Amino acid sequence: MEIEDYVSSGSPMDKAGAYGIQDRSGLFVDRIEGCFYNVVGFPLTRFYEALKREATPDVLRKLMPGSGRGGQDHAA
């Protein structure tokens, strides 16, 4: 009955794989392998690691205050 209710809600109709792990359909998922953000659709961990590796210290200070990279951090 739960799955029938979910399908009749229309929620799965606009999703790859017919579910969004971040909404109520996540109740049907008992585990994932790998990064949660990859499942959601954006590889946040990979992006963050690339950003730390490739961005200039100035850009990092603007994007991630308190990151501790590229000079002194200032409290607001």
Protein backbone atom coordinates (compact mmCIF):
# COMPACT_ATOMS: atom_id res chain seq x y z
CA MET A 1 0.00 0.00 0.00
CA GLU A 2 2.80 2.46 0.80
CA ILE A 3 4.31 2.26 -2.67
CA GLU A 4 0.90 2.56 -4.35
CA ASP A 5 0.24 5.73 -2.30
CA TYR A 6 3.63 7.12 -3.26
CA VAL A 7 3.06 6.46 -6.97
CA SER A 8 -0.43 7.95 -6.89
CA SER A 9 0.99 11.11 -5.29
CA GLY A 10 2.74 11.90 -8.59
CA SER A 11 6.07 12.44 -6.85
CA PRO A 12 8.02 9.79 -8.77
CA MET A 13 7.01 11.14 -12.16
CA ASP A 14 9.71 13.83 -12.34
CA LYS A 15 12.65 11.86 -10.93
CA ALA A 16 15.32 9.64 -12.42
CA GLY A 17 14.76 6.21 -10.95
CA ALA A 18 11.32 7.37 -9.74
CA TYR A 19 12.46 8.44 -6.29
CA GLY A 20 14.17 11.31 -4.52
CA ILE A 21 16.10 10.01 -1.55
CA GLN A 22 15.74 13.38 0.15
CA ASP A 23 11.93 13.29 0.24
CA ARG A 24 9.47 10.76 1.66
CA SER A 25 10.50 8.12 -0.85
CA GLY A 26 13.75 7.90 1.10
CA LEU A 27 11.77 5.77 3.54
CA PHE A 28 12.03 2.90 1.06
CA VAL A 29 15.86 3.06 0.95
CA ASP A 30 17.57 0.97 3.60
CA ARG A 31 21.14 1.88 2.60
CA ILE A 32 23.30 3.55 -0.02
CA GLU A 33 26.85 2.86 -1.08
CA GLY A 34 29.05 5.85 -1.68
CA CYS A 35 28.34 9.52 -1.28
CA PHE A 36 24.79 10.64 -0.39
CA TYR A 37 25.23 13.77 -2.51
CA ASN A 38 26.00 11.68 -5.61
CA VAL A 39 22.68 9.92 -5.07
CA VAL A 40 20.91 13.27 -4.77
CA GLY A 41 22.53 14.35 -8.02
CA PHE A 42 25.51 16.56 -7.19
CA PRO A 43 28.89 15.11 -6.20
CA LEU A 44 29.46 17.62 -3.39
CA THR A 45 32.44 15.84 -1.85
CA ARG A 46 34.22 15.56 -5.20
CA PHE A 47 33.45 19.19 -5.97
CA TYR A 48 34.77 20.34 -2.58
CA GLU A 49 38.00 18.35 -2.96
CA ALA A 50 38.54 19.78 -6.47
CA LEU A 51 37.80 23.27 -5.19
CA LYS A 52 40.37 22.93 -2.42
CA ARG A 53 42.91 21.58 -4.90
CA GLU A 54 42.34 24.05 -7.73
CA ALA A 55 41.05 27.34 -6.31
CA THR A 56 43.36 30.18 -5.43
CA PRO A 57 43.71 31.08 -1.74
CA ASP A 58 41.83 34.34 -2.40
CA VAL A 59 38.85 32.52 -3.91
CA LEU A 60 38.82 30.00 -1.05
CA ARG A 61 38.74 32.77 1.55
CA LYS A 62 35.72 34.32 -0.16
CA LEU A 63 33.84 31.06 -0.66
CA MET A 64 34.73 29.31 2.58
CA PRO A 65 35.56 31.69 5.41
CA GLY A 66 37.26 29.80 8.19
CA SER A 67 38.65 27.11 5.89
CA GLY A 68 42.13 27.75 7.26
CA ARG A 69 43.75 27.68 3.85
CA GLY A 70 45.47 30.51 2.09
CA GLY A 71 46.21 32.93 4.90
CA GLN A 72 44.63 34.24 8.03
CA ASP A 73 40.95 33.92 8.62
CA HIS A 74 39.04 36.79 10.14
CA ALA A 75 36.04 36.49 12.38
CA ALA A 76 33.02 38.51 11.31
